[in-house]
Amino acid sequence: MKLKSAIALATLALTAGLVQAQQQGVSKDEIVLGSILDQSGPLAGFGKQARMGMQLAVDELNETGGIQGRKIKLLVEDDGYDPKKAVLAAQKLVNQDKIFMMMGHIGTAQNMAAMPVQFEKNVINFFPITAAREMYEPFHKLKYSFAAPYYVQMLGAVPKLVKEKGVKKVCTIYQDDDFGLEVLKGGEDGLKSIGMEFAEKTSFKRGATDFSSQVQKMQSSGCEMIVMGTIIRETIGTIGTARKLGYNPVFLGSSAAYTDLIHKIGGKAMDGLYATMTVQNPYTDEQSQPIRFWANKYKTKFNDDPTVFSVYGYSIITTFANAANKAGKNLTTDSFIKAMDTMSIPSDIFGSAPATFSPTKRLGSEASRLSQIQDGKWKTVSEYFTASAKK
């Protein structure tokens, strides 16, 4: 009997060990997380900020004992904002580095390319830094998104600003890819809801640097408001070109254009730009004491001013940590999903909208609000609003 008992115990121990071994990226002492960020391409500024925000949160967690006694190891790969490189980066992180979860991958097309690699190995795509609907639709148990979709942002913001400004002619310039098309569609449906349509639509290829022909086209059409499916240099290039031509319509960008890099690089010409957003840019002299404290802590650590993308990175890791702690000592993909699907996340010091998740809801919140560059800084100019997404 003693021999049988010993064999039974050994079998149980072996089985438990195999179960634990089967959970990729989680060991007795460590949780391995991965991220794919542009570190060398057109969004390298965003990528650097998001990486440092993540690292600040990781360091804070590890200094206080980690998650259930496990330290976090964060691995970051550069895709240069190229979907093909994103696939290679995902393959390395998932198959070689064996990450537990993909965190904060930047870019719509890049995420679309990388997700199949992850899902094949049961790796969650957690809070990608893109507001495309594909980050939570169609439903997949391994998708979790925090960002109000570009489509819904424009669906609500465009008619709101048209009414406030009393404009009669609205045009759009957009990047000819998944991101730009989401902004275009949201703007089109937003205008349709108030009986209008775009008077002029013009696009550009990813990586473009000259926007003179597009701006001249919109100026000659008499556009009073321009909806922009642009990111950093395209936003600056479009507005800068318009200013030089003495053309000053109302400019509205999405949350992809809500970054301090716009006014830091573009200068005074960027004053007046509106953009949708969900969390405040954390200026080091911010009036809010909690934001100011956090921003100065970040600057002390990295010798760089934090931005909204720093906040995204920081919040992604802290939200993961809260759910992973809730999942308990036996952290697996399934236990994390079970914990995440009951999460209710309150507004934080950065003013984010409250978010909730469930077994059938993979987007935390659809709410966004408007901000405007005034005297070289982003200023929040509206309360949160939502619009019903059209399927």
Protein backbone atom coordinates (compact mmCIF):
# COMPACT_ATOMS: atom_id res chain seq x y z
CA MET A 1 0.00 0.00 0.00
CA LYS A 2 2.84 2.32 0.86
CA LEU A 3 4.35 1.74 -2.57
CA LYS A 4 1.01 2.41 -4.28
CA SER A 5 0.56 5.61 -2.28
CA ALA A 6 4.04 6.77 -3.17
CA ILE A 7 3.40 6.09 -6.86
CA ALA A 8 0.07 7.91 -6.68
CA LEU A 9 1.66 10.94 -5.04
CA ALA A 10 4.48 10.96 -7.57
CA THR A 11 1.95 10.77 -10.40
CA LEU A 12 -0.02 13.70 -8.96
CA ALA A 13 3.15 15.74 -8.55
CA LEU A 14 4.24 14.96 -12.09
CA THR A 15 0.79 15.86 -13.45
CA ALA A 16 0.78 19.16 -11.55
CA GLY A 17 4.25 19.90 -12.85
CA LEU A 18 3.19 19.18 -16.42
CA VAL A 19 0.12 21.44 -16.06
CA GLN A 20 2.35 24.24 -14.80
CA ALA A 21 4.91 23.61 -17.53
CA GLN A 22 2.19 23.80 -20.17
CA GLN A 23 1.42 27.41 -19.20
CA GLN A 24 3.79 29.34 -21.41
CA GLY A 25 5.51 32.35 -19.89
CA VAL A 26 4.75 31.61 -16.23
CA SER A 27 7.27 29.98 -13.93
CA LYS A 28 7.63 29.75 -10.16
CA ASP A 29 9.43 33.08 -9.97
CA GLU A 30 8.64 34.95 -13.19
CA ILE A 31 5.98 36.10 -15.63
CA VAL A 32 7.31 36.87 -19.12
CA LEU A 33 5.41 39.55 -21.03
CA GLY A 34 6.07 40.80 -24.54
CA SER A 35 5.37 43.94 -26.52
CA ILE A 36 5.91 45.00 -30.13
CA LEU A 37 6.59 48.71 -30.43
CA ASP A 38 7.88 50.93 -33.19
CA GLN A 39 11.39 51.94 -32.10
CA SER A 40 12.82 52.95 -35.47
CA GLY A 41 9.97 53.97 -37.80
CA PRO A 42 7.44 56.82 -38.07
CA LEU A 43 5.89 56.07 -34.65
CA ALA A 44 9.20 55.58 -32.82
CA GLY A 45 8.32 58.50 -30.53
CA PHE A 46 5.12 56.76 -29.45
CA GLY A 47 6.94 53.45 -29.08
CA LYS A 48 9.65 54.90 -26.87
CA GLN A 49 7.09 56.58 -24.61
CA ALA A 50 4.91 53.47 -24.30
CA ARG A 51 7.95 51.32 -23.52
CA MET A 52 9.11 53.63 -20.73
CA GLY A 53 5.60 53.83 -19.29
CA MET A 54 5.42 50.03 -19.21
CA GLN A 55 8.90 49.79 -17.69
CA LEU A 56 8.02 52.24 -14.92
CA ALA A 57 5.02 50.10 -13.94
CA VAL A 58 7.07 46.88 -14.18
CA ASP A 59 9.80 48.32 -11.97
CA GLU A 60 7.28 49.53 -9.39
CA LEU A 61 5.63 46.10 -9.26
CA ASN A 62 8.91 44.20 -9.01
CA GLU A 63 10.17 46.50 -6.25
CA THR A 64 7.09 45.62 -4.19
CA GLY A 65 7.25 41.84 -4.68
CA GLY A 66 5.78 41.37 -8.14
CA ILE A 67 2.54 39.45 -8.73
CA GLN A 68 1.83 36.64 -6.29
CA GLY A 69 5.57 36.44 -5.63
CA ARG A 70 6.52 36.39 -9.32
CA LYS A 71 8.63 39.15 -10.87
CA ILE A 72 7.66 40.53 -14.28
CA LYS A 73 10.06 40.31 -17.21
CA LEU A 74 9.14 42.60 -20.10
CA LEU A 75 10.56 41.88 -23.57
CA VAL A 76 10.17 44.48 -26.33
CA GLU A 77 10.64 43.96 -30.08
CA ASP A 78 10.85 46.69 -32.74
CA ASP A 79 8.66 46.34 -35.85
CA GLY A 80 9.41 49.75 -37.36
CA TYR A 81 5.62 50.18 -37.82
CA ASP A 82 5.78 47.53 -40.54
CA PRO A 83 3.15 44.73 -40.49
CA LYS A 84 5.60 42.22 -42.02
CA LYS A 85 8.15 42.93 -39.30
CA ALA A 86 5.36 42.70 -36.72
CA VAL A 87 4.75 39.10 -37.77
CA LEU A 88 8.45 38.27 -37.34
CA ALA A 89 8.51 40.01 -33.96
CA ALA A 90 5.42 38.09 -32.82
CA GLN A 91 6.94 34.80 -33.94
CA LYS A 92 10.08 35.51 -31.91
CA LEU A 93 8.23 36.57 -28.77
CA VAL A 94 5.64 33.79 -28.90
CA ASN A 95 7.70 30.85 -30.17
CA GLN A 96 11.24 31.59 -28.95
CA ASP A 97 10.83 33.83 -25.90
CA LYS A 98 7.58 32.05 -24.99
CA ILE A 99 5.77 35.07 -23.56
CA PHE A 100 2.67 34.67 -21.45
CA MET A 101 0.90 37.66 -22.99
CA MET A 102 1.31 40.36 -25.66
CA MET A 103 0.98 43.84 -24.17
CA GLY A 104 0.32 47.21 -25.80
CA HIS A 105 1.33 46.37 -29.37
CA ILE A 106 1.18 49.65 -31.34
CA GLY A 107 -0.55 49.90 -34.71
CA THR A 108 -3.74 48.64 -36.34
CA ALA A 109 -2.26 46.85 -39.36
CA GLN A 110 0.59 45.56 -37.19
CA ASN A 111 -1.78 43.98 -34.67
CA MET A 112 -3.90 42.47 -37.43
CA ALA A 113 -0.78 40.81 -38.84
CA ALA A 114 0.54 39.55 -35.49
CA MET A 115 -2.62 38.29 -33.78
CA PRO A 116 -2.89 34.99 -35.73
CA VAL A 117 0.63 34.07 -34.58
CA GLN A 118 -0.37 34.72 -30.97
CA PHE A 119 -3.75 33.04 -31.06
CA GLU A 120 -2.27 29.84 -32.47
CA LYS A 121 -0.33 29.52 -29.19
CA ASN A 122 -3.16 30.74 -26.94
CA VAL A 123 -1.43 34.09 -26.21
CA ILE A 124 -3.75 36.96 -25.29
CA ASN A 125 -3.53 40.27 -27.18
CA PHE A 126 -3.88 42.60 -24.20
CA PHE A 127 -4.75 46.30 -24.59
CA PRO A 128 -3.12 47.01 -27.97
CA ILE A 129 -2.32 50.69 -28.48
CA THR A 130 -4.69 51.23 -31.36
CA ALA A 131 -8.33 52.19 -31.34
CA ALA A 132 -9.44 49.97 -34.23
CA ARG A 133 -12.61 47.94 -33.78
CA GLU A 134 -10.74 44.83 -34.93
CA MET A 135 -9.00 44.82 -31.55
CA TYR A 136 -12.22 43.49 -30.01
CA GLU A 137 -14.37 42.52 -33.03
CA PRO A 138 -15.17 39.91 -34.09
CA PHE A 139 -15.28 38.47 -30.59
CA HIS A 140 -12.32 36.31 -29.60
CA LYS A 141 -11.59 35.15 -26.08
CA LEU A 142 -7.95 36.26 -26.47
CA LYS A 143 -8.76 39.90 -27.34
CA TYR A 144 -8.93 42.72 -24.78
CA SER A 145 -9.09 46.37 -25.81
CA PHE A 146 -9.09 49.56 -23.73
CA ALA A 147 -9.27 52.25 -26.41
CA ALA A 148 -12.47 53.92 -27.57
CA PRO A 149 -12.49 53.01 -31.29
CA TYR A 150 -11.40 55.56 -33.87
CA TYR A 151 -14.69 54.90 -35.64
CA VAL A 152 -16.79 55.68 -32.56
CA GLN A 153 -14.61 58.67 -31.66
CA MET A 154 -15.33 60.26 -35.04
CA LEU A 155 -18.94 59.10 -35.06
CA GLY A 156 -19.53 61.30 -31.99
CA ALA A 157 -16.95 64.06 -32.40
CA VAL A 158 -17.55 65.08 -36.02
CA PRO A 159 -21.25 66.02 -35.73
CA LYS A 160 -20.59 67.55 -32.29
CA LEU A 161 -17.91 69.90 -33.65
CA VAL A 162 -19.83 70.64 -36.87
CA LYS A 163 -22.77 71.88 -34.80
CA GLU A 164 -20.60 73.85 -32.36
CA LYS A 165 -18.66 75.57 -35.16
CA GLY A 166 -21.57 75.94 -37.56
CA VAL A 167 -19.55 74.65 -40.52
CA LYS A 168 -21.25 73.76 -43.80
CA LYS A 169 -18.46 72.04 -45.71
CA VAL A 170 -16.45 69.18 -44.16
CA CYS A 171 -13.55 67.35 -45.84
CA THR A 172 -11.17 64.59 -44.80
CA ILE A 173 -7.54 63.57 -45.30
CA TYR A 174 -6.66 60.07 -44.17
CA GLN A 175 -3.88 57.48 -44.22
CA ASP A 176 -4.71 54.82 -46.78
CA ASP A 177 -4.72 51.83 -44.41
CA ASP A 178 -6.86 50.17 -41.73
CA PHE A 179 -6.33 53.05 -39.30
CA GLY A 180 -7.20 55.81 -41.75
CA LEU A 181 -10.25 53.97 -43.07
CA GLU A 182 -11.67 53.67 -39.54
CA VAL A 183 -11.43 57.46 -39.13
CA LEU A 184 -12.99 57.94 -42.57
CA LYS A 185 -15.91 55.59 -41.86
CA GLY A 186 -16.59 57.14 -38.46
CA GLY A 187 -16.59 60.62 -39.98
CA GLU A 188 -18.85 59.56 -42.84
CA ASP A 189 -21.44 58.01 -40.54
CA GLY A 190 -21.21 60.92 -38.09
CA LEU A 191 -21.98 63.37 -40.90
CA LYS A 192 -24.75 61.13 -42.22
CA SER A 193 -26.44 61.33 -38.79
CA ILE A 194 -26.87 65.10 -39.31
CA GLY A 195 -27.73 64.93 -43.00
CA MET A 196 -24.29 65.79 -44.37
CA GLU A 197 -21.44 64.12 -46.23
CA PHE A 198 -17.79 64.86 -46.93
CA ALA A 199 -17.39 67.50 -49.62
CA GLU A 200 -13.91 66.22 -50.45
CA LYS A 201 -11.96 63.08 -49.54
CA THR A 202 -8.22 62.78 -50.06
CA SER A 203 -5.74 60.16 -48.87
CA PHE A 204 -2.00 59.48 -48.63
CA LYS A 205 0.19 56.40 -48.37
CA ARG A 206 1.77 55.45 -45.04
CA GLY A 207 5.14 57.18 -44.76
CA ALA A 208 4.21 60.18 -46.95
CA THR A 209 5.93 63.48 -46.14
CA ASP A 210 4.46 65.94 -48.66
CA PHE A 211 0.80 66.90 -48.28
CA SER A 212 0.69 70.03 -50.44
CA SER A 213 -1.51 68.56 -53.20
CA GLN A 214 -4.03 67.21 -50.69
CA VAL A 215 -4.21 70.49 -48.79
CA GLN A 216 -4.58 72.54 -51.99
CA LYS A 217 -7.37 70.24 -53.10
CA MET A 218 -9.29 70.80 -49.86
CA GLN A 219 -8.60 74.54 -49.88
CA SER A 220 -9.91 74.91 -53.44
CA SER A 221 -13.04 73.00 -52.40
CA GLY A 222 -13.72 75.57 -49.69
CA CYS A 223 -13.58 73.07 -46.83
CA GLU A 224 -14.28 74.74 -43.46
CA MET A 225 -13.42 71.68 -41.36
CA ILE A 226 -10.98 68.84 -42.00
CA VAL A 227 -11.28 65.43 -40.32
CA MET A 228 -7.80 63.94 -40.10
CA GLY A 229 -6.94 60.25 -40.24
CA THR A 230 -3.34 61.21 -39.47
CA ILE A 231 -0.78 60.45 -36.77
CA ILE A 232 2.33 62.57 -35.96
CA ARG A 233 4.21 63.91 -38.96
CA GLU A 234 1.14 63.73 -41.22
CA THR A 235 -0.82 65.88 -38.78
CA ILE A 236 2.03 68.38 -38.50
CA GLY A 237 2.66 68.32 -42.26
CA THR A 238 -0.97 68.88 -43.18
CA ILE A 239 -1.60 71.71 -40.74
CA GLY A 240 1.81 73.31 -41.38
CA THR A 241 1.17 73.31 -45.13
CA ALA A 242 -2.28 74.83 -44.64
CA ARG A 243 -0.95 77.62 -42.42
CA LYS A 244 1.68 78.54 -45.03
CA LEU A 245 -1.09 78.83 -47.61
CA GLY A 246 -3.10 81.07 -45.28
CA TYR A 247 -5.71 78.34 -45.01
CA ASN A 248 -7.16 77.94 -41.51
CA PRO A 249 -10.09 75.50 -41.33
CA VAL A 250 -11.12 73.66 -38.17
CA PHE A 251 -8.82 70.64 -37.84
CA LEU A 252 -10.04 67.52 -36.00
CA GLY A 253 -7.84 64.50 -35.37
CA SER A 254 -8.40 61.22 -33.56
CA SER A 255 -6.66 60.01 -30.41
CA ALA A 256 -3.78 58.94 -32.69
CA ALA A 257 -2.95 62.65 -33.05
CA TYR A 258 -3.35 63.39 -29.34
CA THR A 259 0.31 63.63 -28.37
CA ASP A 260 2.62 66.35 -27.09
CA LEU A 261 4.86 65.66 -30.08
CA ILE A 262 2.38 67.57 -32.23
CA HIS A 263 2.91 70.90 -30.48
CA LYS A 264 6.55 70.22 -29.54
CA ILE A 265 7.57 69.55 -33.14
CA GLY A 266 4.96 71.57 -35.01
CA GLY A 267 5.16 74.66 -32.81
CA LYS A 268 2.73 77.56 -32.77
CA ALA A 269 1.14 76.52 -36.07
CA MET A 270 -0.52 73.58 -34.27
CA ASP A 271 -2.58 75.84 -31.98
CA GLY A 272 -6.29 75.27 -32.56
CA LEU A 273 -6.08 71.58 -33.48
CA TYR A 274 -8.83 69.47 -31.89
CA ALA A 275 -8.40 65.77 -31.14
CA THR A 276 -10.40 63.10 -29.42
CA MET A 277 -8.78 61.60 -26.32
CA THR A 278 -9.41 59.44 -23.26
CA VAL A 279 -6.66 60.35 -20.76
CA GLN A 280 -4.92 63.65 -20.11
CA ASN A 281 -1.39 64.27 -21.28
CA PRO A 282 0.68 64.25 -18.06
CA TYR A 283 2.52 67.59 -18.12
CA THR A 284 5.08 67.97 -15.33
CA ASP A 285 3.47 71.30 -14.31
CA GLU A 286 -0.07 69.92 -14.46
CA GLN A 287 -2.43 71.53 -11.93
CA SER A 288 -3.60 68.09 -10.76
CA GLN A 289 -1.18 67.12 -7.97
CA PRO A 290 -1.38 63.32 -8.56
CA ILE A 291 -0.61 63.73 -12.27
CA ARG A 292 2.17 66.22 -11.53
CA PHE A 293 3.74 63.83 -8.97
CA TRP A 294 3.60 60.89 -11.39
CA ALA A 295 4.96 62.96 -14.28
CA ASN A 296 7.92 64.19 -12.28
CA LYS A 297 8.66 60.66 -11.02
CA TYR A 298 8.72 59.49 -14.64
CA LYS A 299 10.98 62.37 -15.71
CA THR A 300 13.40 61.67 -12.83
CA LYS A 301 13.69 58.02 -13.90
CA PHE A 302 14.01 58.49 -17.67
CA ASN A 303 15.18 62.11 -18.01
CA ASP A 304 12.32 62.65 -20.44
CA ASP A 305 8.88 64.24 -20.21
CA PRO A 306 6.03 61.71 -20.07
CA THR A 307 3.22 61.77 -22.61
CA VAL A 308 -0.18 60.20 -23.05
CA PHE A 309 1.57 57.16 -24.59
CA SER A 310 3.62 56.85 -21.41
CA VAL A 311 0.32 56.73 -19.54
CA TYR A 312 -1.04 54.08 -21.92
CA GLY A 313 2.00 51.88 -21.27
CA TYR A 314 1.84 52.39 -17.51
CA SER A 315 -1.90 51.73 -17.31
CA ILE A 316 -1.67 48.60 -19.47
CA ILE A 317 0.79 46.97 -17.08
CA THR A 318 -1.07 48.04 -13.92
CA THR A 319 -4.38 46.74 -15.27
CA PHE A 320 -2.73 43.46 -16.19
CA ALA A 321 -1.25 43.24 -12.69
CA ASN A 322 -4.64 43.82 -11.05
CA ALA A 323 -6.25 41.05 -13.10
CA ALA A 324 -3.30 38.67 -12.66
CA ASN A 325 -3.39 39.17 -8.88
CA LYS A 326 -7.12 38.49 -8.96
CA ALA A 327 -6.45 35.28 -10.91
CA GLY A 328 -4.45 34.01 -7.95
CA LYS A 329 -1.33 31.91 -7.54
CA ASN A 330 -2.22 29.49 -10.33
CA LEU A 331 -1.88 31.99 -13.19
CA THR A 332 -2.90 30.56 -16.55
CA THR A 333 -4.49 32.02 -19.65
CA ASP A 334 -7.85 30.61 -18.54
CA SER A 335 -7.59 31.88 -14.96
CA PHE A 336 -6.58 35.33 -16.23
CA ILE A 337 -9.55 35.44 -18.61
CA LYS A 338 -11.89 34.43 -15.80
CA ALA A 339 -10.53 37.25 -13.61
CA MET A 340 -10.50 39.84 -16.40
CA ASP A 341 -14.07 39.08 -17.38
CA THR A 342 -15.29 40.31 -13.99
CA MET A 343 -13.12 43.44 -13.89
CA SER A 344 -14.63 46.86 -13.32
CA ILE A 345 -11.97 49.56 -13.61
CA PRO A 346 -12.72 52.99 -12.09
CA SER A 347 -11.47 56.29 -13.48
CA ASP A 348 -7.82 56.89 -12.55
CA ILE A 349 -5.65 59.93 -11.80
CA PHE A 350 -5.29 60.52 -15.55
CA GLY A 351 -9.04 61.00 -15.99
CA SER A 352 -9.77 57.88 -17.98
CA ALA A 353 -13.38 56.78 -18.41
CA PRO A 354 -14.52 53.86 -16.19
CA ALA A 355 -14.20 50.50 -17.96
CA THR A 356 -15.90 47.13 -17.58
CA PHE A 357 -15.34 43.71 -19.12
CA SER A 358 -17.40 40.52 -19.27
CA PRO A 359 -17.37 37.11 -20.97
CA THR A 360 -19.05 38.79 -23.97
CA LYS A 361 -17.56 42.32 -23.74
CA ARG A 362 -13.96 42.81 -24.79
CA LEU A 363 -13.87 46.63 -25.03
CA GLY A 364 -13.57 48.53 -21.76
CA SER A 365 -15.26 51.77 -22.83
CA GLU A 366 -16.44 53.59 -25.96
CA ALA A 367 -16.30 57.02 -24.33
CA SER A 368 -13.97 59.80 -25.50
CA ARG A 369 -13.77 63.57 -25.17
CA LEU A 370 -12.33 66.53 -27.03
CA SER A 371 -9.09 68.33 -26.35
CA GLN A 372 -7.56 71.31 -28.15
CA ILE A 373 -4.04 72.71 -28.42
CA GLN A 374 -4.13 76.14 -26.82
CA ASP A 375 -0.93 78.14 -26.34
CA GLY A 376 1.21 75.09 -27.02
CA LYS A 377 -0.55 72.63 -24.68
CA TRP A 378 -3.45 70.24 -24.87
CA LYS A 379 -6.50 71.48 -22.94
CA THR A 380 -9.57 69.31 -22.32
CA VAL A 381 -12.58 71.11 -23.83
CA SER A 382 -15.48 68.67 -23.43
CA GLU A 383 -16.97 66.06 -21.15
CA TYR A 384 -16.99 62.39 -22.16
CA PHE A 385 -19.41 61.47 -24.94
CA THR A 386 -20.32 58.23 -26.66
CA ALA A 387 -21.97 57.32 -29.94
CA SER A 388 -23.63 54.07 -30.93
CA ALA A 389 -21.34 52.08 -33.19
CA LYS A 390 -22.96 50.88 -36.44
CA LYS A 391 -22.32 47.24 -37.17
